[in-house]
């Protein structure tokens, strides 16, 4: 059974994006980004919600294009419109498909976002690891790390690193 790893940048106050999906205050260069980029290559599959996938359109991603071409990519959405021959798989019933993916994937699964999908997978007990790139910023509002309510959970810190930029990497096992 492959792990699902939520590997995400987060503000000190718990947001993965600011109002209207703004990520401009998060680091876009430097060692924390280099480390994240290296980790991306280790994932065999990617899960993302509709808003996370469509966020790429502003940066030149075309509908149906796979933003992670080395990995099997699934977009969890009931409403997204993808063209025939899309390089990503649209999934409307996520939990059975995610369980099948965990059995069939050739390596770890990257939960790219967003907060709605992460909250649903957390409540379903599917997220096995949390990798936070904690940025030294306060957003005060925006997209939370997880949406919805579920039971409290304990985690075990397995790795951490403090960067000169003030960013902190934390890895937890759930």
N, C-alpha and C. Protein backbone atom coordinates (compact mmCIF):
# COMPACT_ATOMS: atom_id res chain seq x y z
N UNK A 1 0.85 -1.17 0.00
CA UNK A 1 0.00 0.00 0.00
C UNK A 1 0.90 1.24 0.00
N UNK A 2 0.78 2.06 -1.02
CA UNK A 2 1.62 3.25 -1.13
C UNK A 2 1.11 4.36 -0.20
N UNK A 3 2.04 5.15 0.34
CA UNK A 3 1.63 6.26 1.20
C UNK A 3 1.06 7.42 0.38
N UNK A 4 0.19 8.18 1.00
CA UNK A 4 -0.26 9.46 0.44
C UNK A 4 0.39 10.54 1.28
N UNK A 5 1.15 11.40 0.62
CA UNK A 5 1.95 12.42 1.29
C UNK A 5 1.44 13.80 0.88
N UNK A 6 0.93 14.53 1.85
CA UNK A 6 0.48 15.91 1.61
C UNK A 6 1.71 16.78 1.79
N UNK A 7 2.30 17.22 0.68
CA UNK A 7 3.55 17.99 0.63
C UNK A 7 3.17 19.39 0.17
N UNK A 8 3.13 20.33 1.11
CA UNK A 8 2.50 21.61 0.80
C UNK A 8 3.17 22.77 1.53
N UNK A 9 3.20 23.91 0.86
CA UNK A 9 3.64 25.15 1.50
C UNK A 9 2.48 25.67 2.34
N UNK A 10 2.80 26.18 3.52
CA UNK A 10 1.77 26.67 4.42
C UNK A 10 2.29 27.90 5.17
N UNK A 11 1.43 28.86 5.38
CA UNK A 11 1.81 30.04 6.15
C UNK A 11 1.89 29.67 7.63
N UNK A 12 2.51 30.53 8.41
CA UNK A 12 2.61 30.28 9.85
C UNK A 12 1.24 30.17 10.51
N UNK A 13 0.22 30.77 9.89
CA UNK A 13 -1.13 30.71 10.45
C UNK A 13 -2.03 29.69 9.75
N UNK A 14 -1.44 28.76 8.96
CA UNK A 14 -2.18 27.60 8.49
C UNK A 14 -2.89 27.71 7.16
N UNK A 15 -2.47 28.62 6.28
CA UNK A 15 -3.11 28.75 4.98
C UNK A 15 -2.17 28.33 3.86
N UNK A 16 -2.70 27.60 2.87
CA UNK A 16 -1.89 27.17 1.73
C UNK A 16 -1.97 28.16 0.58
N UNK A 17 -2.86 29.10 0.67
CA UNK A 17 -2.97 30.21 -0.28
C UNK A 17 -3.74 31.31 0.41
N UNK A 18 -3.49 32.52 -0.03
CA UNK A 18 -4.21 33.65 0.53
C UNK A 18 -5.55 33.85 -0.16
N UNK A 19 -6.12 35.01 0.05
CA UNK A 19 -7.40 35.35 -0.58
C UNK A 19 -7.26 35.23 -2.10
N UNK A 20 -8.28 34.71 -2.73
CA UNK A 20 -8.31 34.53 -4.19
C UNK A 20 -7.18 33.64 -4.70
N UNK A 21 -6.67 32.74 -3.85
CA UNK A 21 -5.64 31.81 -4.28
C UNK A 21 -4.25 32.40 -4.39
N UNK A 22 -4.03 33.58 -3.83
CA UNK A 22 -2.74 34.26 -3.93
C UNK A 22 -1.64 33.49 -3.20
N UNK A 23 -0.56 33.19 -3.92
CA UNK A 23 0.59 32.51 -3.33
C UNK A 23 1.86 33.35 -3.46
N UNK A 24 1.71 34.62 -3.76
CA UNK A 24 2.86 35.48 -4.06
C UNK A 24 3.81 35.66 -2.89
N UNK A 25 3.34 35.52 -1.64
CA UNK A 25 4.22 35.72 -0.49
C UNK A 25 5.04 34.48 -0.13
N UNK A 26 4.67 33.33 -0.68
CA UNK A 26 5.43 32.10 -0.42
C UNK A 26 6.75 32.16 -1.18
N UNK A 27 7.79 31.50 -0.66
CA UNK A 27 9.07 31.44 -1.38
C UNK A 27 8.89 30.76 -2.74
N UNK A 28 9.53 31.33 -3.76
CA UNK A 28 9.49 30.74 -5.10
C UNK A 28 10.89 30.36 -5.58
N UNK A 29 11.89 30.68 -4.80
CA UNK A 29 13.27 30.32 -5.11
C UNK A 29 13.96 29.98 -3.79
N UNK A 30 15.16 29.45 -3.91
CA UNK A 30 15.95 29.15 -2.73
C UNK A 30 15.97 27.68 -2.38
N UNK A 31 16.66 27.38 -1.29
CA UNK A 31 16.90 26.00 -0.90
C UNK A 31 15.61 25.23 -0.58
N UNK A 32 14.64 25.88 0.06
CA UNK A 32 13.39 25.19 0.40
C UNK A 32 12.67 24.76 -0.88
N UNK A 33 12.72 25.59 -1.92
CA UNK A 33 12.09 25.26 -3.20
C UNK A 33 12.90 24.18 -3.92
N UNK A 34 14.22 24.27 -3.85
CA UNK A 34 15.08 23.24 -4.46
C UNK A 34 14.81 21.87 -3.84
N UNK A 35 14.69 21.82 -2.52
CA UNK A 35 14.41 20.55 -1.85
C UNK A 35 13.05 20.00 -2.26
N UNK A 36 12.05 20.87 -2.35
CA UNK A 36 10.71 20.46 -2.77
C UNK A 36 10.75 19.91 -4.19
N UNK A 37 11.44 20.61 -5.09
CA UNK A 37 11.53 20.18 -6.48
C UNK A 37 12.17 18.80 -6.58
N UNK A 38 13.18 18.55 -5.78
CA UNK A 38 13.82 17.23 -5.76
C UNK A 38 12.85 16.16 -5.27
N UNK A 39 12.04 16.48 -4.25
CA UNK A 39 11.06 15.51 -3.73
C UNK A 39 10.00 15.18 -4.78
N UNK A 40 9.62 16.15 -5.59
CA UNK A 40 8.58 15.91 -6.59
C UNK A 40 8.91 14.71 -7.47
N UNK A 41 10.17 14.55 -7.81
CA UNK A 41 10.58 13.47 -8.71
C UNK A 41 10.40 12.09 -8.08
N UNK A 42 10.20 12.03 -6.76
CA UNK A 42 10.06 10.73 -6.08
C UNK A 42 8.62 10.22 -6.08
N UNK A 43 7.68 11.06 -6.51
CA UNK A 43 6.27 10.67 -6.48
C UNK A 43 5.87 9.97 -7.78
N UNK A 44 5.15 8.85 -7.65
CA UNK A 44 4.69 8.09 -8.80
C UNK A 44 3.31 8.54 -9.28
N UNK A 45 2.55 9.15 -8.39
CA UNK A 45 1.20 9.59 -8.72
C UNK A 45 0.91 10.89 -7.97
N UNK A 46 -0.03 11.66 -8.53
CA UNK A 46 -0.38 12.96 -7.96
C UNK A 46 -1.90 13.06 -7.87
N UNK A 47 -2.37 13.51 -6.71
CA UNK A 47 -3.79 13.81 -6.50
C UNK A 47 -3.95 15.31 -6.33
N UNK A 48 -4.94 15.88 -7.01
CA UNK A 48 -5.22 17.31 -6.82
C UNK A 48 -6.70 17.57 -7.03
N UNK A 49 -7.18 18.58 -6.34
CA UNK A 49 -8.55 19.01 -6.53
C UNK A 49 -8.67 19.91 -7.76
N UNK A 50 -9.90 20.20 -8.13
CA UNK A 50 -10.17 21.02 -9.32
C UNK A 50 -9.50 22.38 -9.24
N UNK A 51 -9.67 23.09 -8.12
CA UNK A 51 -9.11 24.44 -8.02
C UNK A 51 -7.59 24.43 -8.11
N UNK A 52 -6.96 23.43 -7.51
CA UNK A 52 -5.51 23.31 -7.58
C UNK A 52 -5.07 23.07 -9.03
N UNK A 53 -5.77 22.18 -9.72
CA UNK A 53 -5.43 21.91 -11.12
C UNK A 53 -5.62 23.17 -11.97
N UNK A 54 -6.78 23.81 -11.83
CA UNK A 54 -7.08 24.98 -12.66
C UNK A 54 -6.18 26.17 -12.33
N UNK A 55 -5.59 26.20 -11.14
CA UNK A 55 -4.63 27.24 -10.77
C UNK A 55 -3.49 27.28 -11.80
N UNK A 56 -3.12 26.12 -12.31
CA UNK A 56 -2.06 26.04 -13.31
C UNK A 56 -2.39 26.72 -14.62
N UNK A 57 -3.65 26.93 -14.93
CA UNK A 57 -4.03 27.59 -16.18
C UNK A 57 -3.41 28.99 -16.26
N UNK A 58 -3.31 29.67 -15.13
CA UNK A 58 -2.74 31.03 -15.11
C UNK A 58 -1.25 31.02 -15.45
N UNK A 59 -0.63 29.84 -15.43
CA UNK A 59 0.80 29.73 -15.70
C UNK A 59 1.08 28.96 -16.98
N UNK A 60 0.05 28.83 -17.83
CA UNK A 60 0.23 28.22 -19.14
C UNK A 60 -0.21 26.77 -19.25
N UNK A 61 -0.65 26.14 -18.17
CA UNK A 61 -1.14 24.77 -18.24
C UNK A 61 -2.42 24.76 -19.08
N UNK A 62 -2.49 23.84 -20.01
CA UNK A 62 -3.68 23.71 -20.86
C UNK A 62 -4.62 22.67 -20.26
N UNK A 63 -5.95 22.85 -20.39
CA UNK A 63 -6.90 21.86 -19.90
C UNK A 63 -6.56 20.47 -20.44
N UNK A 64 -6.46 19.50 -19.52
CA UNK A 64 -6.13 18.14 -19.88
C UNK A 64 -4.65 17.82 -19.82
N UNK A 65 -3.80 18.84 -19.80
CA UNK A 65 -2.35 18.62 -19.75
C UNK A 65 -1.94 18.16 -18.35
N UNK A 66 -0.94 17.29 -18.29
CA UNK A 66 -0.43 16.79 -17.01
C UNK A 66 0.68 17.71 -16.52
N UNK A 67 0.48 18.39 -15.38
CA UNK A 67 1.54 19.26 -14.86
C UNK A 67 2.73 18.48 -14.30
N UNK A 68 2.56 17.19 -14.09
CA UNK A 68 3.61 16.30 -13.57
C UNK A 68 3.76 15.14 -14.54
N UNK A 69 4.39 15.35 -15.69
CA UNK A 69 4.37 14.34 -16.76
C UNK A 69 5.04 13.02 -16.41
N UNK A 70 5.88 12.97 -15.41
CA UNK A 70 6.52 11.71 -15.00
C UNK A 70 5.60 10.87 -14.11
N UNK A 71 4.47 11.43 -13.69
CA UNK A 71 3.60 10.76 -12.72
C UNK A 71 2.18 10.63 -13.27
N UNK A 72 1.50 9.62 -12.79
CA UNK A 72 0.06 9.48 -13.07
C UNK A 72 -0.64 10.57 -12.27
N UNK A 73 -1.46 11.40 -12.94
CA UNK A 73 -2.10 12.52 -12.25
C UNK A 73 -3.61 12.40 -12.32
N UNK A 74 -4.24 12.58 -11.15
CA UNK A 74 -5.68 12.49 -11.03
C UNK A 74 -6.23 13.81 -10.51
N UNK A 75 -7.28 14.30 -11.15
CA UNK A 75 -7.96 15.52 -10.72
C UNK A 75 -9.30 15.08 -10.13
N UNK A 76 -9.49 15.40 -8.86
CA UNK A 76 -10.72 15.03 -8.16
C UNK A 76 -11.73 16.16 -8.34
N UNK A 77 -12.78 15.90 -9.10
CA UNK A 77 -13.77 16.93 -9.37
C UNK A 77 -15.02 16.33 -10.01
N UNK A 78 -16.15 16.87 -9.65
CA UNK A 78 -17.40 16.49 -10.32
C UNK A 78 -17.72 17.47 -11.45
N UNK A 79 -17.04 18.63 -11.47
CA UNK A 79 -17.45 19.69 -12.38
C UNK A 79 -16.43 20.07 -13.44
N UNK A 80 -15.18 19.67 -13.31
CA UNK A 80 -14.18 20.11 -14.29
C UNK A 80 -14.48 19.53 -15.66
N UNK A 81 -14.23 20.33 -16.68
CA UNK A 81 -14.44 19.89 -18.05
C UNK A 81 -13.06 19.69 -18.69
N UNK A 82 -12.74 18.44 -18.98
CA UNK A 82 -11.45 18.12 -19.60
C UNK A 82 -11.68 17.63 -21.02
N UNK A 83 -10.76 17.92 -21.93
CA UNK A 83 -10.95 17.48 -23.31
C UNK A 83 -10.74 15.98 -23.47
N UNK A 84 -11.26 15.45 -24.56
CA UNK A 84 -11.00 14.04 -24.90
C UNK A 84 -9.50 13.86 -25.04
N UNK A 85 -9.00 12.73 -24.58
CA UNK A 85 -7.57 12.47 -24.66
C UNK A 85 -6.75 13.19 -23.61
N UNK A 86 -7.39 13.66 -22.55
CA UNK A 86 -6.68 14.36 -21.49
C UNK A 86 -5.57 13.48 -20.92
N UNK A 87 -4.48 14.12 -20.52
CA UNK A 87 -3.33 13.41 -19.92
C UNK A 87 -3.53 13.18 -18.42
N UNK A 88 -4.58 13.75 -17.86
CA UNK A 88 -4.92 13.55 -16.45
C UNK A 88 -6.25 12.82 -16.38
N UNK A 89 -6.43 12.11 -15.29
CA UNK A 89 -7.67 11.36 -15.09
C UNK A 89 -8.62 12.17 -14.21
N UNK A 90 -9.84 12.36 -14.67
CA UNK A 90 -10.87 13.00 -13.86
C UNK A 90 -11.53 11.93 -12.99
N UNK A 91 -11.62 12.21 -11.69
CA UNK A 91 -12.19 11.26 -10.74
C UNK A 91 -13.36 11.94 -10.03
N UNK A 92 -14.55 11.35 -10.15
CA UNK A 92 -15.72 11.94 -9.51
C UNK A 92 -16.10 11.24 -8.21
N UNK A 93 -15.64 10.03 -8.02
CA UNK A 93 -15.90 9.26 -6.79
C UNK A 93 -14.55 8.94 -6.16
N UNK A 94 -14.00 9.87 -5.37
CA UNK A 94 -12.58 9.78 -5.01
C UNK A 94 -12.16 8.65 -4.08
N UNK A 95 -12.92 8.33 -3.07
CA UNK A 95 -12.40 7.38 -2.08
C UNK A 95 -12.12 5.99 -2.65
N UNK A 96 -13.03 5.37 -3.41
CA UNK A 96 -12.68 4.07 -3.99
C UNK A 96 -11.48 4.16 -4.95
N UNK A 97 -11.42 5.24 -5.71
CA UNK A 97 -10.32 5.40 -6.68
C UNK A 97 -8.99 5.61 -5.96
N UNK A 98 -9.00 6.37 -4.87
CA UNK A 98 -7.77 6.60 -4.10
C UNK A 98 -7.29 5.30 -3.47
N UNK A 99 -8.20 4.52 -2.94
CA UNK A 99 -7.81 3.23 -2.35
C UNK A 99 -7.20 2.31 -3.40
N UNK A 100 -7.78 2.28 -4.60
CA UNK A 100 -7.23 1.49 -5.69
C UNK A 100 -5.85 2.01 -6.09
N UNK A 101 -5.71 3.33 -6.14
CA UNK A 101 -4.42 3.94 -6.50
C UNK A 101 -3.35 3.57 -5.48
N UNK A 102 -3.70 3.57 -4.21
CA UNK A 102 -2.72 3.21 -3.18
C UNK A 102 -2.23 1.77 -3.37
N UNK A 103 -3.08 0.91 -3.87
CA UNK A 103 -2.69 -0.48 -4.12
C UNK A 103 -1.88 -0.64 -5.40
N UNK A 104 -2.21 0.16 -6.42
CA UNK A 104 -1.64 -0.04 -7.75
C UNK A 104 -0.44 0.84 -8.09
N UNK A 105 -0.28 1.97 -7.43
CA UNK A 105 0.80 2.90 -7.79
C UNK A 105 2.16 2.25 -7.58
N UNK A 106 3.13 2.67 -8.39
CA UNK A 106 4.47 2.10 -8.31
C UNK A 106 5.34 2.79 -7.27
N UNK A 107 4.82 3.83 -6.63
CA UNK A 107 5.58 4.55 -5.62
C UNK A 107 4.67 5.49 -4.84
N UNK A 108 5.25 6.35 -4.00
CA UNK A 108 4.46 7.26 -3.17
C UNK A 108 3.54 8.16 -3.98
N UNK A 109 2.48 8.59 -3.35
CA UNK A 109 1.46 9.43 -3.97
C UNK A 109 1.53 10.83 -3.36
N UNK A 110 1.64 11.83 -4.20
CA UNK A 110 1.73 13.23 -3.81
C UNK A 110 0.34 13.84 -3.77
N UNK A 111 -0.10 14.26 -2.61
CA UNK A 111 -1.32 15.04 -2.51
C UNK A 111 -0.91 16.49 -2.70
N UNK A 112 -1.23 17.03 -3.85
CA UNK A 112 -0.82 18.37 -4.23
C UNK A 112 -1.72 19.43 -3.60
N UNK A 113 -2.96 19.13 -3.37
CA UNK A 113 -3.89 20.09 -2.79
C UNK A 113 -5.22 19.95 -3.48
N UNK A 114 -6.09 20.71 -2.99
CA UNK A 114 -6.08 21.75 -2.00
C UNK A 114 -6.72 21.33 -0.69
N UNK A 115 -7.13 22.35 0.06
CA UNK A 115 -7.62 22.15 1.41
C UNK A 115 -8.89 21.30 1.50
N UNK A 116 -9.77 21.42 0.52
CA UNK A 116 -11.01 20.64 0.55
C UNK A 116 -10.69 19.15 0.37
N UNK A 117 -9.90 18.85 -0.67
CA UNK A 117 -9.52 17.46 -0.93
C UNK A 117 -8.70 16.90 0.25
N UNK A 118 -7.77 17.69 0.76
CA UNK A 118 -6.95 17.24 1.89
C UNK A 118 -7.81 16.94 3.11
N UNK A 119 -8.80 17.79 3.38
CA UNK A 119 -9.69 17.55 4.51
C UNK A 119 -10.48 16.27 4.36
N UNK A 120 -10.99 16.03 3.15
CA UNK A 120 -11.75 14.80 2.90
C UNK A 120 -10.87 13.57 3.06
N UNK A 121 -9.66 13.61 2.50
CA UNK A 121 -8.76 12.45 2.61
C UNK A 121 -8.27 12.24 4.04
N UNK A 122 -8.07 13.32 4.78
CA UNK A 122 -7.67 13.20 6.18
C UNK A 122 -8.77 12.50 6.98
N UNK A 123 -10.00 12.96 6.81
CA UNK A 123 -11.12 12.36 7.54
C UNK A 123 -11.32 10.90 7.16
N UNK A 124 -10.95 10.53 5.93
CA UNK A 124 -11.08 9.14 5.48
C UNK A 124 -9.88 8.29 5.89
N UNK A 125 -8.91 8.88 6.57
CA UNK A 125 -7.74 8.14 7.03
C UNK A 125 -6.77 7.78 5.92
N UNK A 126 -6.79 8.49 4.81
CA UNK A 126 -5.95 8.16 3.66
C UNK A 126 -4.58 8.86 3.66
N UNK A 127 -4.45 9.99 4.33
CA UNK A 127 -3.16 10.69 4.35
C UNK A 127 -2.27 10.02 5.38
N UNK A 128 -1.08 9.62 4.93
CA UNK A 128 -0.16 8.91 5.82
C UNK A 128 0.99 9.79 6.31
N UNK A 129 1.33 10.82 5.52
CA UNK A 129 2.44 11.71 5.86
C UNK A 129 2.06 13.15 5.53
N UNK A 130 2.58 14.05 6.31
CA UNK A 130 2.38 15.48 6.09
C UNK A 130 3.76 16.12 6.00
N UNK A 131 4.04 16.75 4.86
CA UNK A 131 5.30 17.47 4.65
C UNK A 131 4.96 18.94 4.49
N UNK A 132 5.31 19.71 5.50
CA UNK A 132 4.99 21.14 5.51
C UNK A 132 6.23 21.96 5.21
N UNK A 133 6.08 22.87 4.27
CA UNK A 133 7.09 23.88 4.01
C UNK A 133 6.52 25.15 4.62
N UNK A 134 6.81 25.36 5.89
CA UNK A 134 6.20 26.44 6.67
C UNK A 134 6.91 27.75 6.36
N UNK A 135 6.19 28.66 5.73
CA UNK A 135 6.76 29.95 5.32
C UNK A 135 6.60 30.97 6.45
N UNK A 136 7.57 31.85 6.61
CA UNK A 136 7.49 32.86 7.66
C UNK A 136 6.61 34.04 7.23
N UNK A 137 5.33 33.72 6.98
CA UNK A 137 4.36 34.74 6.58
C UNK A 137 3.05 34.50 7.33
N UNK A 138 2.27 35.55 7.47
CA UNK A 138 0.91 35.47 8.02
C UNK A 138 -0.05 35.93 6.94
N UNK A 139 -0.99 35.10 6.59
CA UNK A 139 -1.97 35.45 5.55
C UNK A 139 -3.30 35.91 6.13
N UNK A 140 -3.65 35.42 7.29
CA UNK A 140 -4.86 35.78 8.03
C UNK A 140 -6.16 35.29 7.41
N UNK A 141 -6.15 34.97 6.13
CA UNK A 141 -7.34 34.41 5.48
C UNK A 141 -6.90 33.75 4.18
N UNK A 142 -7.77 32.92 3.65
CA UNK A 142 -7.46 32.25 2.39
C UNK A 142 -7.87 30.80 2.43
N UNK A 143 -7.07 29.95 1.81
CA UNK A 143 -7.35 28.51 1.71
C UNK A 143 -6.64 27.81 2.87
N UNK A 144 -7.40 27.20 3.78
CA UNK A 144 -6.75 26.53 4.91
C UNK A 144 -6.08 25.23 4.50
N UNK A 145 -5.14 24.79 5.32
CA UNK A 145 -4.43 23.53 5.11
C UNK A 145 -5.42 22.38 4.95
N UNK A 146 -6.43 22.34 5.80
CA UNK A 146 -7.51 21.35 5.73
C UNK A 146 -8.84 22.08 5.92
N UNK A 147 -9.87 21.67 5.18
CA UNK A 147 -11.20 22.20 5.43
C UNK A 147 -12.06 21.09 6.04
N UNK A 148 -13.13 21.49 6.69
CA UNK A 148 -14.04 20.53 7.31
C UNK A 148 -13.58 20.19 8.71
N UNK A 149 -14.40 19.40 9.35
CA UNK A 149 -14.09 19.02 10.73
C UNK A 149 -14.00 17.51 10.83
N UNK A 150 -13.06 17.08 11.62
CA UNK A 150 -12.88 15.66 11.87
C UNK A 150 -12.30 15.48 13.25
N UNK A 151 -11.99 14.25 13.60
CA UNK A 151 -11.44 14.00 14.93
C UNK A 151 -10.01 14.55 15.05
N UNK A 152 -9.63 14.88 16.28
CA UNK A 152 -8.25 15.30 16.54
C UNK A 152 -7.32 14.13 16.23
N UNK A 153 -6.13 14.44 15.79
CA UNK A 153 -5.16 13.40 15.44
C UNK A 153 -3.81 13.75 16.01
N UNK A 154 -3.08 12.74 16.38
CA UNK A 154 -1.70 12.93 16.80
C UNK A 154 -0.79 12.55 15.65
N UNK A 155 0.33 13.24 15.57
CA UNK A 155 1.31 12.96 14.54
C UNK A 155 2.67 12.79 15.21
N UNK A 156 3.59 12.18 14.47
CA UNK A 156 4.95 12.03 14.97
C UNK A 156 5.88 12.77 14.03
N UNK A 157 6.65 13.74 14.56
CA UNK A 157 7.62 14.47 13.77
C UNK A 157 8.76 13.52 13.41
N UNK A 158 9.03 13.37 12.12
CA UNK A 158 10.08 12.45 11.67
C UNK A 158 11.27 13.17 11.06
N UNK A 159 11.08 14.43 10.68
CA UNK A 159 12.17 15.20 10.09
C UNK A 159 11.84 16.67 10.18
N UNK A 160 12.87 17.49 10.35
CA UNK A 160 12.68 18.94 10.27
C UNK A 160 13.99 19.60 9.85
N UNK A 161 13.83 20.77 9.24
CA UNK A 161 14.99 21.52 8.77
C UNK A 161 14.62 22.99 8.80
N UNK A 162 15.52 23.81 9.31
CA UNK A 162 15.33 25.26 9.33
C UNK A 162 16.22 25.86 8.25
N UNK A 163 15.64 26.67 7.39
CA UNK A 163 16.37 27.30 6.29
C UNK A 163 16.79 28.72 6.69
N UNK A 164 17.86 29.20 6.06
CA UNK A 164 18.34 30.56 6.33
C UNK A 164 17.28 31.61 6.02
N UNK A 165 16.37 31.29 5.11
CA UNK A 165 15.30 32.22 4.72
C UNK A 165 14.25 32.40 5.81
N UNK A 166 14.28 31.52 6.82
CA UNK A 166 13.25 31.53 7.86
C UNK A 166 12.19 30.48 7.65
N UNK A 167 12.17 29.85 6.47
CA UNK A 167 11.23 28.76 6.22
C UNK A 167 11.65 27.55 7.05
N UNK A 168 10.66 26.72 7.38
CA UNK A 168 10.90 25.51 8.16
C UNK A 168 10.23 24.35 7.45
N UNK A 169 10.98 23.27 7.24
CA UNK A 169 10.42 22.04 6.69
C UNK A 169 10.13 21.12 7.86
N UNK A 170 8.92 20.57 7.88
CA UNK A 170 8.53 19.61 8.91
C UNK A 170 7.87 18.42 8.22
N UNK A 171 8.31 17.22 8.60
CA UNK A 171 7.67 16.02 8.09
C UNK A 171 7.09 15.24 9.26
N UNK A 172 5.82 14.87 9.11
CA UNK A 172 5.11 14.12 10.15
C UNK A 172 4.56 12.83 9.57
N UNK A 173 4.49 11.82 10.41
CA UNK A 173 3.76 10.59 10.10
C UNK A 173 2.48 10.63 10.90
N UNK A 174 1.36 10.36 10.23
CA UNK A 174 0.07 10.35 10.91
C UNK A 174 -0.21 8.95 11.45
